[in-house]
Amino acid sequence: MNIVKPQSCQLDKLLYSIPETATLLSCSKSTIYSLMRSGVLPAVHSTSSARISSSAIVRYVEFLEIQSRIQAQEINEALR
C-alpha cells in the first residue's frame, strides 16, 4: 500500500486555544476536549489554560487523511 504524505500547511501561530482549535478543525470544543483526554490531540499547558500546538493539529489532520484513505481502500477491495 502506497501512502502519500499530505502536503503540510503553515498555521499562523505555534499554540492555539481550545476554541481556536475547534474552529480550525470545524468541530466543537467538547470534541477537542475528548481528543485531548484520549491522547489523540496532545495539549500543552503554557499557562493555566491548555493549548494545542500547530504541529499537533497538522499531525491530527494528517492522521485523519490517512485513516480516510485506508477506509476507502478497504471499501474498494470489499466491492471487488
PDB file of N, CA and C in Angstrom:
ATOM      1  N   MET A   1       0.848  -1.175   0.000  1.00  0.00           N
ATOM      2  CA  MET A   1       0.000   0.000   0.000  1.00  0.00           C
ATOM      3  C   MET A   1       0.891   1.235   0.000  1.00  0.00           C
ATOM      4  N   ASN A   2       0.637   2.131  -0.921  1.00  0.00           N
ATOM      5  CA  ASN A   2       1.372   3.390  -1.007  1.00  0.00           C
ATOM      6  C   ASN A   2       0.591   4.486  -0.305  1.00  0.00           C
ATOM      7  N   ILE A   3       1.213   5.069   0.690  1.00  0.00           N
ATOM      8  CA  ILE A   3       0.590   6.189   1.385  1.00  0.00           C
ATOM      9  C   ILE A   3       1.383   7.435   1.040  1.00  0.00           C
ATOM     10  N   VAL A   4       0.705   8.381   0.461  1.00  0.00           N
ATOM     11  CA  VAL A   4       1.340   9.642   0.091  1.00  0.00           C
ATOM     12  C   VAL A   4       1.162  10.603   1.248  1.00  0.00           C
ATOM     13  N   LYS A   5       2.265  11.132   1.720  1.00  0.00           N
ATOM     14  CA  LYS A   5       2.194  12.085   2.823  1.00  0.00           C
ATOM     15  C   LYS A   5       1.581  13.382   2.327  1.00  0.00           C
ATOM     16  N   PRO A   6       0.545  13.865   3.044  1.00  0.00           N
ATOM     17  CA  PRO A   6      -0.083  15.120   2.619  1.00  0.00           C
ATOM     18  C   PRO A   6       0.887  16.289   2.719  1.00  0.00           C
ATOM     19  N   GLN A   7       0.655  17.277   1.885  1.00  0.00           N
ATOM     20  CA  GLN A   7       1.468  18.485   1.981  1.00  0.00           C
ATOM     21  C   GLN A   7       1.147  19.189   3.288  1.00  0.00           C
ATOM     22  N   SER A   8       2.190  19.616   3.970  1.00  0.00           N
ATOM     23  CA  SER A   8       1.926  20.311   5.217  1.00  0.00           C
ATOM     24  C   SER A   8       1.546  21.756   4.952  1.00  0.00           C
ATOM     25  N   CYS A   9       0.793  22.271   5.887  1.00  0.00           N
ATOM     26  CA  CYS A   9       0.387  23.663   5.768  1.00  0.00           C
ATOM     27  C   CYS A   9       1.011  24.443   6.912  1.00  0.00           C
ATOM     28  N   GLN A  10       1.041  25.711   6.763  1.00  0.00           N
ATOM     29  CA  GLN A  10       1.575  26.562   7.809  1.00  0.00           C
ATOM     30  C   GLN A  10       0.417  27.223   8.542  1.00  0.00           C
ATOM     31  N   LEU A  11       0.431  27.099   9.840  1.00  0.00           N
ATOM     32  CA  LEU A  11      -0.547  27.804  10.656  1.00  0.00           C
ATOM     33  C   LEU A  11       0.106  29.085  11.163  1.00  0.00           C
ATOM     34  N   ASP A  12      -0.711  30.042  11.525  1.00  0.00           N
ATOM     35  CA  ASP A  12      -0.206  31.368  11.886  1.00  0.00           C
ATOM     36  C   ASP A  12       0.534  31.426  13.216  1.00  0.00           C
ATOM     37  N   LYS A  13       0.161  30.551  14.147  1.00  0.00           N
ATOM     38  CA  LYS A  13       0.728  30.623  15.499  1.00  0.00           C
ATOM     39  C   LYS A  13       1.291  29.267  15.892  1.00  0.00           C
ATOM     40  N   LEU A  14       2.072  29.242  16.961  1.00  0.00           N
ATOM     41  CA  LEU A  14       2.599  27.979  17.473  1.00  0.00           C
ATOM     42  C   LEU A  14       1.590  27.265  18.361  1.00  0.00           C
ATOM     43  N   LEU A  15       0.842  28.024  19.154  1.00  0.00           N
ATOM     44  CA  LEU A  15      -0.121  27.440  20.087  1.00  0.00           C
ATOM     45  C   LEU A  15      -1.507  28.038  19.882  1.00  0.00           C
ATOM     46  N   TYR A  16      -2.511  27.182  19.978  1.00  0.00           N
ATOM     47  CA  TYR A  16      -3.901  27.598  19.803  1.00  0.00           C
ATOM     48  C   TYR A  16      -4.721  27.230  21.031  1.00  0.00           C
ATOM     49  N   SER A  17      -5.655  28.091  21.374  1.00  0.00           N
ATOM     50  CA  SER A  17      -6.583  27.808  22.471  1.00  0.00           C
ATOM     51  C   SER A  17      -7.558  26.729  22.029  1.00  0.00           C
ATOM     52  N   ILE A  18      -8.311  26.203  22.973  1.00  0.00           N
ATOM     53  CA  ILE A  18      -9.303  25.173  22.651  1.00  0.00           C
ATOM     54  C   ILE A  18     -10.346  25.717  21.660  1.00  0.00           C
ATOM     55  N   PRO A  19     -10.927  26.889  21.904  1.00  0.00           N
ATOM     56  CA  PRO A  19     -11.892  27.410  20.925  1.00  0.00           C
ATOM     57  C   PRO A  19     -11.281  27.639  19.538  1.00  0.00           C
ATOM     58  N   GLU A  20     -10.048  28.125  19.486  1.00  0.00           N
ATOM     59  CA  GLU A  20      -9.387  28.338  18.195  1.00  0.00           C
ATOM     60  C   GLU A  20      -9.167  27.002  17.472  1.00  0.00           C
ATOM     61  N   THR A  21      -8.755  25.999  18.231  1.00  0.00           N
ATOM     62  CA  THR A  21      -8.529  24.671  17.647  1.00  0.00           C
ATOM     63  C   THR A  21      -9.836  24.100  17.121  1.00  0.00           C
ATOM     64  N   ALA A  22     -10.904  24.262  17.883  1.00  0.00           N
ATOM     65  CA  ALA A  22     -12.215  23.778  17.440  1.00  0.00           C
ATOM     66  C   ALA A  22     -12.626  24.471  16.139  1.00  0.00           C
ATOM     67  N   THR A  23     -12.375  25.750  16.040  1.00  0.00           N
ATOM     68  CA  THR A  23     -12.701  26.490  14.813  1.00  0.00           C
ATOM     69  C   THR A  23     -11.859  25.988  13.644  1.00  0.00           C
ATOM     70  N   LEU A  24     -10.554  25.818  13.865  1.00  0.00           N
ATOM     71  CA  LEU A  24      -9.667  25.333  12.801  1.00  0.00           C
ATOM     72  C   LEU A  24     -10.090  23.960  12.289  1.00  0.00           C
ATOM     73  N   LEU A  25     -10.533  23.085  13.205  1.00  0.00           N
ATOM     74  CA  LEU A  25     -10.889  21.717  12.836  1.00  0.00           C
ATOM     75  C   LEU A  25     -12.384  21.553  12.539  1.00  0.00           C
ATOM     76  N   SER A  26     -13.114  22.636  12.592  1.00  0.00           N
ATOM     77  CA  SER A  26     -14.563  22.620  12.317  1.00  0.00           C
ATOM     78  C   SER A  26     -15.301  21.602  13.183  1.00  0.00           C
ATOM     79  N   CYS A  27     -15.040  21.674  14.468  1.00  0.00           N
ATOM     80  CA  CYS A  27     -15.729  20.783  15.406  1.00  0.00           C
ATOM     81  C   CYS A  27     -16.008  21.555  16.699  1.00  0.00           C
ATOM     82  N   SER A  28     -16.619  20.885  17.652  1.00  0.00           N
ATOM     83  CA  SER A  28     -16.971  21.548  18.912  1.00  0.00           C
ATOM     84  C   SER A  28     -15.809  21.520  19.901  1.00  0.00           C
ATOM     85  N   LYS A  29     -15.882  22.385  20.892  1.00  0.00           N
ATOM     86  CA  LYS A  29     -14.888  22.369  21.964  1.00  0.00           C
ATOM     87  C   LYS A  29     -14.941  21.042  22.712  1.00  0.00           C
ATOM     88  N   SER A  30     -16.139  20.470  22.857  1.00  0.00           N
ATOM     89  CA  SER A  30     -16.277  19.172  23.524  1.00  0.00           C
ATOM     90  C   SER A  30     -15.492  18.091  22.795  1.00  0.00           C
ATOM     91  N   THR A  31     -15.520  18.140  21.472  1.00  0.00           N
ATOM     92  CA  THR A  31     -14.753  17.173  20.674  1.00  0.00           C
ATOM     93  C   THR A  31     -13.264  17.346  20.916  1.00  0.00           C
ATOM     94  N   ILE A  32     -12.802  18.584  20.983  1.00  0.00           N
ATOM     95  CA  ILE A  32     -11.380  18.843  21.243  1.00  0.00           C
ATOM     96  C   ILE A  32     -10.995  18.304  22.610  1.00  0.00           C
ATOM     97  N   TYR A  33     -11.808  18.569  23.633  1.00  0.00           N
ATOM     98  CA  TYR A  33     -11.514  18.046  24.972  1.00  0.00           C
ATOM     99  C   TYR A  33     -11.486  16.519  24.974  1.00  0.00           C
ATOM    100  N   SER A  34     -12.384  15.898  24.236  1.00  0.00           N
ATOM    101  CA  SER A  34     -12.420  14.440  24.137  1.00  0.00           C
ATOM    102  C   SER A  34     -11.149  13.908  23.471  1.00  0.00           C
ATOM    103  N   LEU A  35     -10.728  14.564  22.394  1.00  0.00           N
ATOM    104  CA  LEU A  35      -9.496  14.170  21.715  1.00  0.00           C
ATOM    105  C   LEU A  35      -8.282  14.352  22.615  1.00  0.00           C
ATOM    106  N   MET A  36      -8.294  15.393  23.431  1.00  0.00           N
ATOM    107  CA  MET A  36      -7.209  15.625  24.386  1.00  0.00           C
ATOM    108  C   MET A  36      -7.181  14.522  25.443  1.00  0.00           C
ATOM    109  N   ARG A  37      -8.348  14.191  25.987  1.00  0.00           N
ATOM    110  CA  ARG A  37      -8.425  13.146  27.024  1.00  0.00           C
ATOM    111  C   ARG A  37      -7.946  11.797  26.505  1.00  0.00           C
ATOM    112  N   SER A  38      -8.275  11.506  25.253  1.00  0.00           N
ATOM    113  CA  SER A  38      -7.897  10.215  24.670  1.00  0.00           C
ATOM    114  C   SER A  38      -6.425  10.179  24.254  1.00  0.00           C
ATOM    115  N   GLY A  39      -5.767  11.334  24.241  1.00  0.00           N
ATOM    116  CA  GLY A  39      -4.364  11.395  23.857  1.00  0.00           C
ATOM    117  C   GLY A  39      -4.140  11.541  22.361  1.00  0.00           C
ATOM    118  N   VAL A  40      -5.214  11.605  21.597  1.00  0.00           N
ATOM    119  CA  VAL A  40      -5.103  11.746  20.148  1.00  0.00           C
ATOM    120  C   VAL A  40      -4.612  13.135  19.770  1.00  0.00           C
ATOM    121  N   LEU A  41      -5.024  14.125  20.522  1.00  0.00           N
ATOM    122  CA  LEU A  41      -4.619  15.509  20.274  1.00  0.00           C
ATOM    123  C   LEU A  41      -3.952  16.028  21.555  1.00  0.00           C
ATOM    124  N   PRO A  42      -2.627  15.911  21.631  1.00  0.00           N
ATOM    125  CA  PRO A  42      -1.947  16.302  22.871  1.00  0.00           C
ATOM    126  C   PRO A  42      -1.993  17.810  23.111  1.00  0.00           C
ATOM    127  N   ALA A  43      -2.083  18.166  24.369  1.00  0.00           N
ATOM    128  CA  ALA A  43      -2.134  19.577  24.767  1.00  0.00           C
ATOM    129  C   ALA A  43      -0.896  19.926  25.571  1.00  0.00           C
ATOM    130  N   VAL A  44      -0.550  21.182  25.543  1.00  0.00           N
ATOM    131  CA  VAL A  44       0.497  21.705  26.411  1.00  0.00           C
ATOM    132  C   VAL A  44      -0.164  22.717  27.338  1.00  0.00           C
ATOM    133  N   HIS A  45       0.445  22.911  28.479  1.00  0.00           N
ATOM    134  CA  HIS A  45      -0.108  23.837  29.467  1.00  0.00           C
ATOM    135  C   HIS A  45       0.918  24.935  29.723  1.00  0.00           C
ATOM    136  N   SER A  46       0.951  25.904  28.835  1.00  0.00           N
ATOM    137  CA  SER A  46       1.907  27.006  28.962  1.00  0.00           C
ATOM    138  C   SER A  46       1.435  28.040  29.973  1.00  0.00           C
ATOM    139  N   THR A  47       0.153  28.080  30.189  1.00  0.00           N
ATOM    140  CA  THR A  47      -0.446  28.977  31.176  1.00  0.00           C
ATOM    141  C   THR A  47      -1.419  28.133  31.987  1.00  0.00           C
ATOM    142  N   SER A  48      -2.377  28.745  32.597  1.00  0.00           N
ATOM    143  CA  SER A  48      -3.379  27.967  33.324  1.00  0.00           C
ATOM    144  C   SER A  48      -4.353  27.287  32.363  1.00  0.00           C
ATOM    145  N   SER A  49      -4.291  27.655  31.090  1.00  0.00           N
ATOM    146  CA  SER A  49      -5.171  27.072  30.072  1.00  0.00           C
ATOM    147  C   SER A  49      -4.395  26.117  29.179  1.00  0.00           C
ATOM    148  N   ALA A  50      -5.088  25.092  28.718  1.00  0.00           N
ATOM    149  CA  ALA A  50      -4.478  24.151  27.780  1.00  0.00           C
ATOM    150  C   ALA A  50      -4.361  24.808  26.413  1.00  0.00           C
ATOM    151  N   ARG A  51      -3.306  24.478  25.711  1.00  0.00           N
ATOM    152  CA  ARG A  51      -3.086  24.950  24.346  1.00  0.00           C
ATOM    153  C   ARG A  51      -2.725  23.744  23.483  1.00  0.00           C
ATOM    154  N   ILE A  52      -3.064  23.856  22.204  1.00  0.00           N
ATOM    155  CA  ILE A  52      -2.746  22.815  21.245  1.00  0.00           C
ATOM    156  C   ILE A  52      -1.716  23.381  20.275  1.00  0.00           C
ATOM    157  N   SER A  53      -0.618  22.658  20.091  1.00  0.00           N
ATOM    158  CA  SER A  53       0.425  23.157  19.187  1.00  0.00           C
ATOM    159  C   SER A  53      -0.015  23.010  17.735  1.00  0.00           C
ATOM    160  N   SER A  54       0.501  23.885  16.901  1.00  0.00           N
ATOM    161  CA  SER A  54       0.174  23.815  15.481  1.00  0.00           C
ATOM    162  C   SER A  54       0.645  22.492  14.887  1.00  0.00           C
ATOM    163  N   SER A  55       1.767  21.972  15.365  1.00  0.00           N
ATOM    164  CA  SER A  55       2.258  20.685  14.841  1.00  0.00           C
ATOM    165  C   SER A  55       1.322  19.547  15.236  1.00  0.00           C
ATOM    166  N   ALA A  56       0.727  19.595  16.423  1.00  0.00           N
ATOM    167  CA  ALA A  56      -0.235  18.565  16.837  1.00  0.00           C
ATOM    168  C   ALA A  56      -1.491  18.626  15.970  1.00  0.00           C
ATOM    169  N   ILE A  57      -1.911  19.828  15.620  1.00  0.00           N
ATOM    170  CA  ILE A  57      -3.093  19.994  14.764  1.00  0.00           C
ATOM    171  C   ILE A  57      -2.808  19.412  13.378  1.00  0.00           C
ATOM    172  N   VAL A  58      -1.649  19.725  12.825  1.00  0.00           N
ATOM    173  CA  VAL A  58      -1.287  19.213  11.498  1.00  0.00           C
ATOM    174  C   VAL A  58      -1.185  17.690  11.528  1.00  0.00           C
ATOM    175  N   ARG A  59      -0.537  17.130  12.570  1.00  0.00           N
ATOM    176  CA  ARG A  59      -0.423  15.670  12.683  1.00  0.00           C
ATOM    177  C   ARG A  59      -1.794  15.016  12.773  1.00  0.00           C
ATOM    178  N   TYR A  60      -2.710  15.623  13.505  1.00  0.00           N
ATOM    179  CA  TYR A  60      -4.052  15.073  13.647  1.00  0.00           C
ATOM    180  C   TYR A  60      -4.780  15.057  12.296  1.00  0.00           C
ATOM    181  N   VAL A  61      -4.673  16.138  11.541  1.00  0.00           N
ATOM    182  CA  VAL A  61      -5.317  16.195  10.224  1.00  0.00           C
ATOM    183  C   VAL A  61      -4.679  15.167   9.291  1.00  0.00           C
ATOM    184  N   GLU A  62      -3.368  15.025   9.329  1.00  0.00           N
ATOM    185  CA  GLU A  62      -2.695  14.004   8.513  1.00  0.00           C
ATOM    186  C   GLU A  62      -3.180  12.606   8.895  1.00  0.00           C
ATOM    187  N   PHE A  63      -3.343  12.365  10.196  1.00  0.00           N
ATOM    188  CA  PHE A  63      -3.866  11.082  10.676  1.00  0.00           C
ATOM    189  C   PHE A  63      -5.262  10.827  10.106  1.00  0.00           C
ATOM    190  N   LEU A  64      -6.120  11.847  10.128  1.00  0.00           N
ATOM    191  CA  LEU A  64      -7.474  11.695   9.596  1.00  0.00           C
ATOM    192  C   LEU A  64      -7.449  11.402   8.095  1.00  0.00           C
ATOM    193  N   GLU A  65      -6.557  12.067   7.379  1.00  0.00           N
ATOM    194  CA  GLU A  65      -6.452  11.837   5.938  1.00  0.00           C
ATOM    195  C   GLU A  65      -6.002  10.410   5.634  1.00  0.00           C
ATOM    196  N   ILE A  66      -5.018   9.925   6.357  1.00  0.00           N
ATOM    197  CA  ILE A  66      -4.527   8.558   6.161  1.00  0.00           C
ATOM    198  C   ILE A  66      -5.617   7.549   6.518  1.00  0.00           C
ATOM    199  N   GLN A  67      -6.280   7.786   7.633  1.00  0.00           N
ATOM    200  CA  GLN A  67      -7.365   6.899   8.065  1.00  0.00           C
ATOM    201  C   GLN A  67      -8.471   6.849   7.008  1.00  0.00           C
ATOM    202  N   SER A  68      -8.793   7.976   6.425  1.00  0.00           N
ATOM    203  CA  SER A  68      -9.825   8.046   5.399  1.00  0.00           C
ATOM    204  C   SER A  68      -9.415   7.272   4.152  1.00  0.00           C
ATOM    205  N   ARG A  69      -8.147   7.414   3.756  1.00  0.00           N
ATOM    206  CA  ARG A  69      -7.653   6.679   2.584  1.00  0.00           C
ATOM    207  C   ARG A  69      -7.703   5.174   2.811  1.00  0.00           C
ATOM    208  N   ILE A  70      -7.318   4.737   3.996  1.00  0.00           N
ATOM    209  CA  ILE A  70      -7.328   3.305   4.321  1.00  0.00           C
ATOM    210  C   ILE A  70      -8.752   2.764   4.280  1.00  0.00           C
ATOM    211  N   GLN A  71      -9.684   3.503   4.855  1.00  0.00           N
ATOM    212  CA  GLN A  71     -11.081   3.065   4.847  1.00  0.00           C
ATOM    213  C   GLN A  71     -11.627   3.000   3.421  1.00  0.00           C
ATOM    214  N   ALA A  72     -11.294   3.966   2.596  1.00  0.00           N
ATOM    215  CA  ALA A  72     -11.749   3.972   1.210  1.00  0.00           C
ATOM    216  C   ALA A  72     -11.172   2.778   0.449  1.00  0.00           C
ATOM    217  N   GLN A  73      -9.913   2.488   0.705  1.00  0.00           N
ATOM    218  CA  GLN A  73      -9.270   1.357   0.045  1.00  0.00           C
ATOM    219  C   GLN A  73      -9.914   0.030   0.488  1.00  0.00           C
ATOM    220  N   GLU A  74     -10.231  -0.091   1.774  1.00  0.00           N
ATOM    221  CA  GLU A  74     -10.878  -1.304   2.272  1.00  0.00           C
ATOM    222  C   GLU A  74     -12.259  -1.478   1.655  1.00  0.00           C
ATOM    223  N   ILE A  75     -12.984  -0.391   1.494  1.00  0.00           N
ATOM    224  CA  ILE A  75     -14.309  -0.457   0.868  1.00  0.00           C
ATOM    225  C   ILE A  75     -14.184  -0.874  -0.584  1.00  0.00           C
ATOM    226  N   ASN A  76     -13.215  -0.283  -1.295  1.00  0.00           N
ATOM    227  CA  ASN A  76     -12.989  -0.638  -2.700  1.00  0.00           C
ATOM    228  C   ASN A  76     -12.626  -2.110  -2.844  1.00  0.00           C
ATOM    229  N   GLU A  77     -11.786  -2.619  -1.954  1.00  0.00           N
ATOM    230  CA  GLU A  77     -11.391  -4.021  -2.018  1.00  0.00           C
ATOM    231  C   GLU A  77     -12.580  -4.935  -1.713  1.00  0.00           C
ATOM    232  N   ALA A  78     -13.436  -4.523  -0.802  1.00  0.00           N
ATOM    233  CA  ALA A  78     -14.601  -5.337  -0.441  1.00  0.00           C
ATOM    234  C   ALA A  78     -15.610  -5.390  -1.581  1.00  0.00           C
ATOM    235  N   LEU A  79     -15.641  -4.345  -2.399  1.00  0.00           N
ATOM    236  CA  LEU A  79     -16.590  -4.284  -3.504  1.00  0.00           C
ATOM    237  C   LEU A  79     -16.111  -5.043  -4.745  1.00  0.00           C
ATOM    238  N   ARG A  80     -14.879  -5.478  -4.742  1.00  0.00           N
ATOM    239  CA  ARG A  80     -14.331  -6.208  -5.912  1.00  0.00           C
ATOM    240  C   ARG A  80     -14.794  -7.622  -5.923  1.00  0.00           C
TER     241      ARG A  80
END
